[in-house]
Amino acid sequence: VPATKPNAAPAPQPAAPRLGGVAVAPVLSQVSVRRTGVPVTLKVPAGAKVVQIKVVRAGATAKATAATARKPLATLYRFPARAGTLRTKLSTPALRRLLKPGSYQLRVRAGATKKQLGAATIKRFRVRR
């Protein structure tokens, strides 16, 4: 039986690509969200094969924000073919129905796989009547 070293360090994980240039309109009308969804533009770094986008209701207070942080309204994945600019619309019927007037956060992460995602880039937007 080969002996293993008890203090052997696990193999280092490659650093997840850092996402940059996430853009969403600061204010959207509820009518446009219902019709076409939420347009999002982002810069996909080299090595990223998966982009995770979460939409979370942003409360007015820190306590409300913490409570809603556990339950996103939607979690969507995009699989970009190459690095560069990715333009997409968050237009699932359930999400379009759930986006009522109020403030929201867009949390975007990129990585090589769904299990290896980098740090989230957060952008706020508002839906108005």
C-alpha atoms as a PDB file:
ATOM      1  CA  VAL A   1       0.000   0.000   0.000  1.00  0.00           C
ATOM      2  CA  PRO A   2       1.558   3.312  -1.051  1.00  0.00           C
ATOM      3  CA  ALA A   3       1.862   5.875   1.703  1.00  0.00           C
ATOM      4  CA  THR A   4       0.249   9.265   1.145  1.00  0.00           C
ATOM      5  CA  LYS A   5       1.503  12.482   2.614  1.00  0.00           C
ATOM      6  CA  PRO A   6      -0.946  13.804   5.214  1.00  0.00           C
ATOM      7  CA  ASN A   7      -0.039  17.423   4.463  1.00  0.00           C
ATOM      8  CA  ALA A   8      -0.276  17.130   0.680  1.00  0.00           C
ATOM      9  CA  ALA A   9      -1.887  20.255  -0.749  1.00  0.00           C
ATOM     10  CA  PRO A  10      -4.719  19.795  -3.243  1.00  0.00           C
ATOM     11  CA  ALA A  11      -3.974  20.586  -6.866  1.00  0.00           C
ATOM     12  CA  PRO A  12      -4.342  24.342  -7.453  1.00  0.00           C
ATOM     13  CA  GLN A  13      -7.467  25.332  -9.351  1.00  0.00           C
ATOM     14  CA  PRO A  14      -6.971  27.650 -12.312  1.00  0.00           C
ATOM     15  CA  ALA A  15      -8.184  31.168 -11.560  1.00  0.00           C
ATOM     16  CA  ALA A  16     -11.669  31.815 -12.896  1.00  0.00           C
ATOM     17  CA  PRO A  17     -11.771  34.519 -15.572  1.00  0.00           C
ATOM     18  CA  ARG A  18     -12.755  37.954 -14.313  1.00  0.00           C
ATOM     19  CA  LEU A  19     -15.767  39.416 -16.056  1.00  0.00           C
ATOM     20  CA  GLY A  20     -15.631  43.012 -17.235  1.00  0.00           C
ATOM     21  CA  GLY A  21     -17.819  45.561 -18.914  1.00  0.00           C
ATOM     22  CA  VAL A  22     -21.282  44.475 -17.779  1.00  0.00           C
ATOM     23  CA  ALA A  23     -23.866  46.970 -19.024  1.00  0.00           C
ATOM     24  CA  VAL A  24     -27.606  47.141 -18.439  1.00  0.00           C
ATOM     25  CA  ALA A  25     -29.847  50.176 -18.833  1.00  0.00           C
ATOM     26  CA  PRO A  26     -30.256  51.893 -15.458  1.00  0.00           C
ATOM     27  CA  VAL A  27     -34.019  52.348 -15.942  1.00  0.00           C
ATOM     28  CA  LEU A  28     -36.366  50.140 -17.970  1.00  0.00           C
ATOM     29  CA  SER A  29     -40.109  50.492 -18.411  1.00  0.00           C
ATOM     30  CA  GLN A  30     -42.302  47.603 -17.337  1.00  0.00           C
ATOM     31  CA  VAL A  31     -43.889  47.559 -20.804  1.00  0.00           C
ATOM     32  CA  SER A  32     -40.537  47.088 -22.565  1.00  0.00           C
ATOM     33  CA  VAL A  33     -39.474  44.405 -20.071  1.00  0.00           C
ATOM     34  CA  ARG A  34     -42.740  42.540 -20.641  1.00  0.00           C
ATOM     35  CA  ARG A  35     -42.352  42.725 -24.421  1.00  0.00           C
ATOM     36  CA  THR A  36     -38.659  42.078 -24.990  1.00  0.00           C
ATOM     37  CA  GLY A  37     -36.964  41.248 -21.685  1.00  0.00           C
ATOM     38  CA  VAL A  38     -33.865  42.873 -20.198  1.00  0.00           C
ATOM     39  CA  PRO A  39     -31.036  43.604 -22.665  1.00  0.00           C
ATOM     40  CA  VAL A  40     -27.558  42.950 -21.244  1.00  0.00           C
ATOM     41  CA  THR A  41     -24.130  43.505 -22.819  1.00  0.00           C
ATOM     42  CA  LEU A  42     -20.929  42.121 -21.325  1.00  0.00           C
ATOM     43  CA  LYS A  43     -17.292  41.453 -22.164  1.00  0.00           C
ATOM     44  CA  VAL A  44     -16.482  37.750 -22.009  1.00  0.00           C
ATOM     45  CA  PRO A  45     -12.861  37.063 -20.997  1.00  0.00           C
ATOM     46  CA  ALA A  46     -10.681  34.494 -22.750  1.00  0.00           C
ATOM     47  CA  GLY A  47     -11.158  31.025 -21.277  1.00  0.00           C
ATOM     48  CA  ALA A  48     -14.765  31.593 -20.204  1.00  0.00           C
ATOM     49  CA  LYS A  49     -17.151  28.981 -21.553  1.00  0.00           C
ATOM     50  CA  VAL A  50     -20.102  29.722 -19.245  1.00  0.00           C
ATOM     51  CA  VAL A  51     -21.721  32.959 -18.078  1.00  0.00           C
ATOM     52  CA  GLN A  52     -24.170  32.830 -15.171  1.00  0.00           C
ATOM     53  CA  ILE A  53     -26.665  35.678 -14.823  1.00  0.00           C
ATOM     54  CA  LYS A  54     -28.841  36.027 -11.725  1.00  0.00           C
ATOM     55  CA  VAL A  55     -31.594  38.597 -11.283  1.00  0.00           C
ATOM     56  CA  VAL A  56     -32.298  39.489  -7.650  1.00  0.00           C
ATOM     57  CA  ARG A  57     -34.755  41.958  -6.180  1.00  0.00           C
ATOM     58  CA  ALA A  58     -32.766  44.731  -4.451  1.00  0.00           C
ATOM     59  CA  GLY A  59     -34.441  45.863  -1.250  1.00  0.00           C
ATOM     60  CA  ALA A  60     -34.303  49.409   0.085  1.00  0.00           C
ATOM     61  CA  THR A  61     -32.497  48.298   3.258  1.00  0.00           C
ATOM     62  CA  ALA A  62     -29.568  46.012   3.934  1.00  0.00           C
ATOM     63  CA  LYS A  63     -31.836  43.605   5.834  1.00  0.00           C
ATOM     64  CA  ALA A  64     -34.262  43.334   2.922  1.00  0.00           C
ATOM     65  CA  THR A  65     -31.375  42.880   0.488  1.00  0.00           C
ATOM     66  CA  ALA A  66     -29.901  40.076   2.625  1.00  0.00           C
ATOM     67  CA  ALA A  67     -33.263  38.324   2.796  1.00  0.00           C
ATOM     68  CA  THR A  68     -33.752  38.414  -0.971  1.00  0.00           C
ATOM     69  CA  ALA A  69     -30.121  37.511  -1.705  1.00  0.00           C
ATOM     70  CA  ARG A  70     -30.897  33.862  -1.039  1.00  0.00           C
ATOM     71  CA  LYS A  71     -33.625  33.602  -3.673  1.00  0.00           C
ATOM     72  CA  PRO A  72     -32.954  34.983  -7.152  1.00  0.00           C
ATOM     73  CA  LEU A  73     -35.910  35.640  -9.431  1.00  0.00           C
ATOM     74  CA  ALA A  74     -34.050  33.889 -12.242  1.00  0.00           C
ATOM     75  CA  THR A  75     -30.734  32.163 -12.862  1.00  0.00           C
ATOM     76  CA  LEU A  76     -29.808  32.029 -16.533  1.00  0.00           C
ATOM     77  CA  TYR A  77     -26.770  30.608 -18.298  1.00  0.00           C
ATOM     78  CA  ARG A  78     -25.206  31.676 -21.572  1.00  0.00           C
ATOM     79  CA  PHE A  79     -22.526  29.725 -23.406  1.00  0.00           C
ATOM     80  CA  PRO A  80     -20.462  32.190 -25.480  1.00  0.00           C
ATOM     81  CA  ALA A  81     -18.655  30.787 -28.506  1.00  0.00           C
ATOM     82  CA  ARG A  82     -15.641  33.078 -28.059  1.00  0.00           C
ATOM     83  CA  ALA A  83     -14.167  35.844 -25.950  1.00  0.00           C
ATOM     84  CA  GLY A  84     -15.399  39.354 -26.654  1.00  0.00           C
ATOM     85  CA  THR A  85     -18.705  41.174 -26.502  1.00  0.00           C
ATOM     86  CA  LEU A  86     -21.815  39.156 -25.671  1.00  0.00           C
ATOM     87  CA  ARG A  87     -25.226  40.755 -26.197  1.00  0.00           C
ATOM     88  CA  THR A  88     -28.167  38.864 -24.783  1.00  0.00           C
ATOM     89  CA  LYS A  89     -31.721  39.420 -23.611  1.00  0.00           C
ATOM     90  CA  LEU A  90     -33.056  37.999 -20.391  1.00  0.00           C
ATOM     91  CA  SER A  91     -36.443  37.144 -21.799  1.00  0.00           C
ATOM     92  CA  THR A  92     -37.838  34.028 -20.167  1.00  0.00           C
ATOM     93  CA  PRO A  93     -41.617  34.351 -19.753  1.00  0.00           C
ATOM     94  CA  ALA A  94     -41.409  33.783 -15.990  1.00  0.00           C
ATOM     95  CA  LEU A  95     -38.799  36.519 -15.507  1.00  0.00           C
ATOM     96  CA  ARG A  96     -40.701  39.015 -17.655  1.00  0.00           C
ATOM     97  CA  ARG A  97     -43.787  38.369 -15.533  1.00  0.00           C
ATOM     98  CA  LEU A  98     -41.895  38.683 -12.214  1.00  0.00           C
ATOM     99  CA  LEU A  99     -40.183  42.010 -12.976  1.00  0.00           C
ATOM    100  CA  LYS A 100     -42.563  44.480 -11.369  1.00  0.00           C
ATOM    101  CA  PRO A 101     -41.694  48.153 -10.796  1.00  0.00           C
ATOM    102  CA  GLY A 102     -38.791  48.348  -8.339  1.00  0.00           C
ATOM    103  CA  SER A 103     -35.019  47.965  -8.004  1.00  0.00           C
ATOM    104  CA  TYR A 104     -33.097  44.871  -9.050  1.00  0.00           C
ATOM    105  CA  GLN A 105     -29.547  43.561  -9.082  1.00  0.00           C
ATOM    106  CA  LEU A 106     -27.935  41.720 -11.956  1.00  0.00           C
ATOM    107  CA  ARG A 107     -25.192  39.350 -10.683  1.00  0.00           C
ATOM    108  CA  VAL A 108     -22.982  38.092 -13.486  1.00  0.00           C
ATOM    109  CA  ARG A 109     -20.228  35.470 -13.155  1.00  0.00           C
ATOM    110  CA  ALA A 110     -18.072  33.768 -15.786  1.00  0.00           C
ATOM    111  CA  GLY A 111     -15.968  30.622 -15.753  1.00  0.00           C
ATOM    112  CA  ALA A 112     -14.821  27.495 -17.524  1.00  0.00           C
ATOM    113  CA  THR A 113     -17.716  25.393 -16.151  1.00  0.00           C
ATOM    114  CA  LYS A 114     -20.855  25.949 -14.067  1.00  0.00           C
ATOM    115  CA  LYS A 115     -18.938  24.722 -11.005  1.00  0.00           C
ATOM    116  CA  GLN A 116     -15.894  26.978 -11.573  1.00  0.00           C
ATOM    117  CA  LEU A 117     -17.249  30.508 -11.734  1.00  0.00           C
ATOM    118  CA  GLY A 118     -15.377  33.675 -10.826  1.00  0.00           C
ATOM    119  CA  ALA A 119     -16.432  36.541  -8.603  1.00  0.00           C
ATOM    120  CA  ALA A 120     -19.757  38.211  -9.320  1.00  0.00           C
ATOM    121  CA  THR A 121     -20.008  41.571 -11.043  1.00  0.00           C
ATOM    122  CA  ILE A 122     -23.104  43.363  -9.740  1.00  0.00           C
ATOM    123  CA  LYS A 123     -25.107  45.967 -11.648  1.00  0.00           C
ATOM    124  CA  ARG A 124     -28.302  47.612 -10.436  1.00  0.00           C
ATOM    125  CA  PHE A 125     -31.249  48.540 -12.589  1.00  0.00           C
ATOM    126  CA  ARG A 126     -34.751  49.786 -12.008  1.00  0.00           C
ATOM    127  CA  VAL A 127     -38.077  48.892 -13.586  1.00  0.00           C
ATOM    128  CA  ARG A 128     -40.542  51.761 -13.708  1.00  0.00           C
ATOM    129  CA  ARG A 129     -44.222  51.806 -14.546  1.00  0.00           C
END
